[in-house]
Protein backbone atom coordinates (compact mmCIF):
# COMPACT_ATOMS: atom_id res chain seq x y z
CA UNK A 1 0.00 0.00 0.00
CA UNK A 2 1.35 3.42 -0.96
CA UNK A 3 1.99 5.84 1.87
CA UNK A 4 3.16 9.39 1.18
CA UNK A 5 4.80 11.60 3.79
CA UNK A 6 4.91 15.21 2.64
CA UNK A 7 7.66 17.75 3.18
CA UNK A 8 6.53 20.71 1.13
CA UNK A 9 9.39 22.82 -0.15
CA UNK A 10 6.67 25.25 -1.23
CA UNK A 11 4.52 26.45 1.64
CA UNK A 12 1.93 28.26 -0.42
CA UNK A 13 2.79 31.59 1.20
CA UNK A 14 5.37 34.22 0.43
CA UNK A 15 6.51 32.85 -2.94
CA UNK A 16 8.18 35.39 -5.17
CA UNK A 17 6.92 35.68 -8.74
CA UNK A 18 10.45 35.11 -10.03
CA UNK A 19 10.71 31.76 -8.26
CA UNK A 20 9.26 29.58 -11.02
CA UNK A 21 11.09 26.31 -10.27
CA UNK A 22 11.05 24.96 -6.71
CA UNK A 23 13.00 21.87 -5.61
CA UNK A 24 10.77 19.85 -3.28
CA UNK A 25 11.02 16.59 -1.36
CA UNK A 26 8.47 14.12 -0.05
CA UNK A 27 8.32 10.43 0.78
CA UNK A 28 6.56 7.55 -0.91
CA UNK A 29 6.50 4.39 1.21
CA UNK A 30 9.30 5.74 3.38
CA UNK A 31 11.63 6.55 0.46
CA UNK A 32 12.54 10.18 -0.21
CA UNK A 33 11.57 11.56 -3.60
CA UNK A 34 13.36 14.48 -5.24
CA UNK A 35 11.14 16.61 -7.45
CA UNK A 36 10.89 20.01 -9.09
CA UNK A 37 7.70 22.02 -8.84
CA UNK A 38 7.05 24.45 -11.70
CA UNK A 39 4.93 27.51 -10.98
CA UNK A 40 3.22 29.85 -13.47
CA UNK A 41 4.52 33.37 -14.15
CA UNK A 42 2.98 35.95 -11.82
CA UNK A 43 2.11 33.13 -9.46
CA UNK A 44 -0.49 34.04 -6.85
CA UNK A 45 -0.89 31.61 -3.97
CA UNK A 46 -4.40 32.89 -3.35
CA UNK A 47 -5.57 31.46 -6.67
CA UNK A 48 -6.43 27.88 -7.62
CA UNK A 49 -4.44 26.29 -10.44
CA UNK A 50 -4.76 23.19 -12.54
CA UNK A 51 -2.11 20.61 -11.62
CA UNK A 52 -0.12 18.33 -13.95
CA UNK A 53 2.18 15.41 -13.09
CA UNK A 54 5.01 14.69 -15.52
CA UNK A 55 6.69 11.25 -15.44
CA UNK A 56 10.13 10.91 -17.01
CA UNK A 57 11.32 8.25 -19.49
CA UNK A 58 13.11 5.03 -18.58
CA UNK A 59 16.75 5.79 -17.84
CA UNK A 60 16.04 9.52 -17.68
CA UNK A 61 15.67 12.12 -14.94
CA UNK A 62 13.52 15.12 -14.12
CA UNK A 63 16.04 17.63 -15.48
CA UNK A 64 15.65 16.40 -19.06
CA UNK A 65 12.49 16.12 -21.18
CA UNK A 66 10.13 15.83 -18.19
CA UNK A 67 11.38 19.12 -16.81
CA UNK A 68 11.15 20.79 -20.21
CA UNK A 69 7.48 19.92 -20.64
CA UNK A 70 6.69 20.72 -17.00
CA UNK A 71 8.20 24.17 -17.48
CA UNK A 72 6.37 24.74 -20.77
CA UNK A 73 3.06 23.83 -19.12
CA UNK A 74 3.79 26.08 -16.15
CA UNK A 75 4.45 28.96 -18.53
CA UNK A 76 0.88 28.43 -19.78
CA UNK A 77 -0.57 28.69 -16.26
CA UNK A 78 -0.42 25.17 -14.81
CA UNK A 79 1.31 24.02 -11.64
CA UNK A 80 3.41 21.09 -12.83
CA UNK A 81 5.62 18.61 -11.01
CA UNK A 82 8.39 16.43 -12.40
CA UNK A 83 9.88 13.89 -9.98
CA UNK A 84 12.74 11.44 -10.19
CA UNK A 85 11.48 7.90 -9.79
CA UNK A 86 12.49 6.25 -6.54
CA UNK A 87 15.74 4.30 -6.84
CA UNK A 88 16.67 6.63 -9.71
CA UNK A 89 17.97 10.16 -10.29
CA UNK A 90 18.28 12.24 -7.12
CA UNK A 91 15.59 10.25 -5.31
CA UNK A 92 16.58 7.71 -2.70
CA UNK A 93 16.23 3.94 -2.78
CA UNK A 94 18.63 0.98 -2.86
CA UNK A 95 19.80 -0.76 -4.95
CA UNK A 96 20.28 2.11 -7.33
CA UNK A 97 18.46 2.01 -10.67
CA UNK A 98 15.92 -0.62 -9.67
CA UNK A 99 13.08 -0.38 -12.22
CA UNK A 100 9.96 -2.04 -10.87
CA UNK A 101 6.67 -1.13 -12.60
CA UNK A 102 4.77 -1.05 -9.30
CA UNK A 103 7.26 1.53 -7.99
CA UNK A 104 6.97 3.75 -11.05
CA UNK A 105 3.16 3.55 -10.91
CA UNK A 106 3.20 4.54 -7.22
CA UNK A 107 5.57 7.40 -8.09
CA UNK A 108 2.90 8.89 -10.36
CA UNK A 109 0.31 8.61 -7.59
CA UNK A 110 2.86 10.18 -5.25
CA UNK A 111 3.05 13.24 -7.49
CA UNK A 112 -0.75 13.47 -7.37
CA UNK A 113 -0.63 13.24 -3.58
CA UNK A 114 1.88 16.05 -3.48
CA UNK A 115 -0.14 18.34 -5.74
CA UNK A 116 -3.27 17.72 -3.69
CA UNK A 117 -1.38 18.83 -0.58
CA UNK A 118 -0.83 22.30 -2.05
CA UNK A 119 -3.56 24.82 -1.17
CA UNK A 120 -3.28 26.57 -4.53
CA UNK A 121 -3.86 23.42 -6.64
CA UNK A 122 -7.43 22.42 -7.42
CA UNK A 123 -7.53 18.79 -6.26
CA UNK A 124 -10.45 18.08 -8.60
CA UNK A 125 -8.58 19.28 -11.68
CA UNK A 126 -5.36 17.30 -11.92
CA UNK A 127 -4.01 15.90 -15.17
CA UNK A 128 -1.08 13.63 -15.95
CA UNK A 129 1.57 13.50 -18.66
CA UNK A 130 3.86 10.52 -19.08
CA UNK A 131 6.80 10.43 -21.47
CA UNK A 132 8.27 7.23 -22.97
CA UNK A 133 8.39 4.64 -20.16
CA UNK A 134 6.79 7.21 -17.88
CA UNK A 135 3.91 7.21 -20.34
CA UNK A 136 3.25 3.51 -19.85
CA UNK A 137 3.41 3.88 -16.09
CA UNK A 138 1.14 6.94 -16.16
CA UNK A 139 -1.46 4.99 -18.15
CA UNK A 140 -1.23 2.17 -15.61
CA UNK A 141 -1.64 4.60 -12.73
CA UNK A 142 -4.65 6.33 -14.27
CA UNK A 143 -6.36 2.98 -14.77
CA UNK A 144 -7.06 2.89 -11.02
CA UNK A 145 -6.21 6.37 -9.66
CA UNK A 146 -9.25 8.37 -10.69
CA UNK A 147 -7.96 11.54 -9.06
CA UNK A 148 -6.25 11.93 -12.43
CA UNK A 149 -8.94 13.58 -14.55
CA UNK A 150 -7.18 13.71 -17.93
CA UNK A 151 -4.33 11.52 -19.19
CA UNK A 152 -1.76 12.29 -21.88
CA UNK A 153 1.27 10.38 -23.09
CA UNK A 154 4.15 11.35 -25.34
CA UNK A 155 6.07 8.69 -27.26
CA UNK A 156 4.67 6.03 -24.92
CA UNK A 157 6.96 3.05 -24.29
CA UNK A 158 5.43 -0.17 -22.95
CA UNK A 159 8.38 -1.25 -20.82
CA UNK A 160 7.06 -4.69 -19.92
CA UNK A 161 6.28 -5.66 -23.50
CA UNK A 162 9.72 -4.63 -24.75
CA UNK A 163 11.64 -6.26 -21.90
CA UNK A 164 9.59 -9.42 -22.41
CA UNK A 165 9.35 -9.70 -26.20
CA UNK A 166 12.25 -7.55 -27.33
CA UNK A 167 11.94 -4.33 -29.30
CA UNK A 168 9.36 -4.60 -32.09
CA UNK A 169 8.48 -8.02 -30.60
CA UNK A 170 11.51 -9.45 -32.40
CA UNK A 171 12.98 -11.56 -29.59
CA UNK A 172 10.11 -13.60 -28.21
CA UNK A 173 12.38 -16.64 -28.44
CA UNK A 174 14.65 -15.01 -25.85
CA UNK A 175 12.03 -14.73 -23.09
CA UNK A 176 13.15 -17.81 -21.16
CA UNK A 177 16.78 -16.75 -21.29
CA UNK A 178 16.05 -13.25 -20.01
CA UNK A 179 14.05 -14.64 -17.11
CA UNK A 180 16.88 -17.01 -16.21
CA UNK A 181 19.36 -14.12 -16.31
CA UNK A 182 17.09 -12.02 -14.09
CA UNK A 183 16.72 -14.83 -11.56
CA UNK A 184 20.49 -15.25 -11.42
CA UNK A 185 20.89 -11.50 -10.88
CA UNK A 186 18.36 -11.64 -8.04
CA UNK A 187 20.42 -14.33 -6.29
CA UNK A 188 23.55 -12.24 -6.73
CA UNK A 189 21.80 -9.21 -5.20
CA UNK A 190 21.19 -11.27 -2.07
CA UNK A 191 24.97 -11.66 -1.87
CA UNK A 192 25.55 -7.94 -2.34
CA UNK A 193 26.40 -7.90 -6.06
CA UNK A 194 24.15 -5.85 -8.33
CA UNK A 195 24.11 -6.49 -12.08
CA UNK A 196 23.16 -3.72 -14.52
CA UNK A 197 22.31 -3.30 -18.18
CA UNK A 198 20.99 -0.51 -20.38
CA UNK A 199 20.76 1.11 -23.78
CA UNK A 200 23.91 3.27 -23.66
CA UNK A 201 26.84 1.19 -25.00
CA UNK A 202 30.18 1.16 -23.15
CA UNK A 203 32.25 4.13 -24.29
CA UNK A 204 35.22 6.29 -23.43
CA UNK A 205 34.13 9.48 -25.20
CA UNK A 206 31.54 11.08 -27.45
CA UNK A 207 33.33 9.96 -30.61
CA UNK A 208 32.82 6.31 -29.63
CA UNK A 209 29.13 6.98 -29.09
CA UNK A 210 28.86 8.67 -32.49
CA UNK A 211 30.49 5.64 -34.06
CA UNK A 212 27.86 3.41 -32.44
CA UNK A 213 25.13 5.75 -33.67
CA UNK A 214 26.38 5.50 -37.25
CA UNK A 215 25.68 1.76 -37.19
CA UNK A 216 21.98 2.33 -36.44
CA UNK A 217 19.14 3.49 -38.74
CA UNK A 218 18.23 7.18 -38.98
CA UNK A 219 15.39 8.23 -36.62
CA UNK A 220 15.58 4.95 -34.68
CA UNK A 221 14.92 4.95 -30.96
CA UNK A 222 18.33 3.63 -29.99
CA UNK A 223 20.32 5.85 -32.35
CA UNK A 224 18.54 9.00 -31.20
CA UNK A 225 18.61 7.74 -27.60
CA UNK A 226 22.40 7.41 -27.65
CA UNK A 227 22.66 10.96 -28.97
CA UNK A 228 20.17 12.44 -26.47
CA UNK A 229 21.20 10.62 -23.29
CA UNK A 230 24.87 10.18 -24.10
CA UNK A 231 25.85 13.44 -25.82
CA UNK A 232 23.47 16.37 -26.28
CA UNK A 233 21.35 16.12 -23.12
CA UNK A 234 23.43 13.87 -20.90
CA UNK A 235 23.01 14.22 -17.15
CA UNK A 236 24.86 12.42 -14.34
CA UNK A 237 21.53 11.19 -12.94
CA UNK A 238 20.44 9.65 -16.25
CA UNK A 239 22.64 6.68 -17.10
CA UNK A 240 20.18 4.73 -19.23
CA UNK A 241 20.77 1.70 -16.99
CA UNK A 242 18.63 -0.50 -14.74
CA UNK A 243 19.21 -3.55 -12.59
CA UNK A 244 19.08 -6.85 -14.45
CA UNK A 245 17.02 -8.25 -11.59
CA UNK A 246 14.27 -5.76 -12.52
CA UNK A 247 13.38 -8.02 -15.45
CA UNK A 248 11.63 -10.34 -13.00
CA UNK A 249 9.04 -7.60 -12.42
CA UNK A 250 9.16 -5.89 -15.80
CA UNK A 251 8.47 -8.98 -17.87
CA UNK A 252 5.26 -9.67 -15.94
CA UNK A 253 3.96 -6.14 -16.67
CA UNK A 254 2.06 -4.93 -19.71
CA UNK A 255 0.13 -1.67 -19.68
CA UNK A 256 -2.21 -3.05 -22.35
CA UNK A 257 -3.62 -5.66 -19.97
CA UNK A 258 -5.92 -3.25 -18.14
CA UNK A 259 -6.49 -0.46 -20.62
CA UNK A 260 -10.24 -1.07 -20.35
CA UNK A 261 -10.05 0.37 -16.80
CA UNK A 262 -9.00 3.76 -18.15
CA UNK A 263 -12.16 5.89 -18.21
CA UNK A 264 -10.73 9.41 -18.32
CA UNK A 265 -10.16 11.50 -21.46
CA UNK A 266 -7.02 10.22 -23.18
CA UNK A 267 -4.52 11.87 -25.53
CA UNK A 268 -1.63 9.83 -26.92
CA UNK A 269 0.99 11.75 -28.91
CA UNK A 270 3.45 10.00 -31.21
CA UNK A 271 5.95 10.97 -33.87
CA UNK A 272 4.88 9.90 -37.34
CA UNK A 273 8.37 8.44 -37.93
CA UNK A 274 8.76 6.82 -34.50
CA UNK A 275 9.66 3.13 -34.54
CA UNK A 276 7.89 2.91 -31.16
CA UNK A 277 4.55 4.09 -32.57
CA UNK A 278 3.13 0.56 -32.50
CA UNK A 279 3.05 0.63 -28.69
CA UNK A 280 0.83 3.72 -28.54
CA UNK A 281 -1.39 2.41 -31.33
CA UNK A 282 -1.96 -0.94 -29.62
CA UNK A 283 -2.65 0.56 -26.17
CA UNK A 284 -4.94 3.18 -27.73
CA UNK A 285 -7.11 0.52 -29.38
CA UNK A 286 -7.64 -1.16 -26.01
CA UNK A 287 -8.73 2.04 -24.24
CA UNK A 288 -12.32 1.17 -25.08
CA UNK A 289 -13.82 2.92 -22.04
CA UNK A 290 -11.97 6.23 -22.24
CA UNK A 291 -14.60 8.97 -22.17
CA UNK A 292 -12.80 10.69 -25.07
CA UNK A 293 -9.63 9.66 -26.83
CA UNK A 294 -7.30 10.86 -29.56
CA UNK A 295 -4.11 9.50 -31.10
CA UNK A 296 -2.19 12.52 -32.40
CA UNK A 297 0.77 12.24 -34.79
CA UNK A 298 3.54 14.83 -34.97
CA UNK A 299 4.50 14.87 -38.64
CA UNK A 300 8.16 14.08 -39.28
CA UNK A 301 9.08 13.38 -35.65
CA UNK A 302 10.88 10.31 -34.34
CA UNK A 303 10.47 9.05 -30.76
CA UNK A 304 13.34 10.98 -29.17
CA UNK A 305 12.98 14.08 -31.31
CA UNK A 306 9.62 14.80 -29.69
CA UNK A 307 11.72 15.44 -26.57
CA UNK A 308 13.63 18.48 -27.73
CA UNK A 309 13.25 19.67 -31.35
CA UNK A 310 11.77 23.16 -30.86
CA UNK A 311 9.10 23.04 -33.57
CA UNK A 312 7.90 19.63 -32.38
CA UNK A 313 7.88 20.72 -28.73
CA UNK A 314 5.88 23.83 -29.63
CA UNK A 315 3.30 21.76 -31.51
CA UNK A 316 3.04 19.20 -28.69
CA UNK A 317 2.68 21.80 -25.94
CA UNK A 318 -0.09 23.52 -27.89
CA UNK A 319 -1.89 20.18 -28.25
CA UNK A 320 -1.46 19.38 -24.55
CA UNK A 321 -2.75 22.79 -23.53
CA UNK A 322 -5.85 22.38 -25.70
CA UNK A 323 -6.44 18.93 -24.18
CA UNK A 324 -6.00 19.87 -20.54
CA UNK A 325 -7.90 23.14 -20.79
CA UNK A 326 -10.83 21.27 -22.34
CA UNK A 327 -11.01 18.32 -19.97
CA UNK A 328 -9.77 19.65 -16.62
C-alpha cells in the first residue's frame, strides 16, 4: 500500500513571482523523492491552479524532457511537477536504478498526492503527462487512480512488452533466457552484487558513441537515444541503466492488460516516424472505455525528437494545452 509523507518545499505563502522552479522533497512508502515544482509566471498563492504530473522516461531524470514539458506547461498557467522515480535520479532507494513497474506507478500517484497537498492546486482538476516509459506507467496509474482527470502520453513506451518480447516483438524466443538471467541476478543481489544493463553502450568518449550511432538506422529509438542521453542532453543522474534483476518484475507487466479500466479522457501523442509508434497504437485501441480519446501524430518526428526539437515541442505543448484546458 502506498503511503506518502509530505515535506513541502513550497509552503503556499510568500513565494516570489520570479521563483518559477522549486526543488521539493516528499516520501513515498518511506523513500525520499526528489522533485521540481514548476509555478506559473505571476504566481499568486491565493488562486487555484490546474495541476499536472510529468513522469520521465526510462533511464532519464527530471532535469531532461520531463522538466522541459513541465516548465512549458507552467508557462501556460499550470502548476506542474516532475519527480525522479524512486531508486533513480536524485531520489533515494537501494539498490540504485531498480526499475519495478509497481514503484513507477506509485511514483505517479505520489506526485498526485503532493499536488493535492498544495492549497493553490485544485484537487479536482489534476491531469497527468507521461513520457516514454513514464507514459506507460502513467497509463497504468490512471487505470485505477481516478484523481487523475485527464491523461496524456508522449512517445509512450510499454516497458514490460519490450523487456519481455524484445523491441518490435523481435525476440520472443529469448524470453526464457532473459528470465533465467534475471533470476540469477536476483540471487547475486542477495549476496551484495548488483548487475546492470541498459541502452547506452560502453564508451570512453563522445566519438565512440557517435560511431555506435552511425551503425543504427536514422530516426531509430536507440540511435537517437544514444545521442540524447549520451551526448546532447546527458546528465549524471540519467545513465540509461537499470538492474538486471528488474526483469523479474518488468516482464510480468504490460500496460495493455488493463487499458479497459481507463475511463478518463485520453490523448496519446506520437511521432509519425517513430519506430515505437506501435506501442501507442496498440494501447490506444484497447482504451475502449476512455470517455474521449485521440491519437495525435507529430509529422516528421521520431520518438526521441519529440523530446527536444523546438518546432515539435511547440506543436506538442499547444496540443497538450488544448487537451488539458478542455477536460480539466
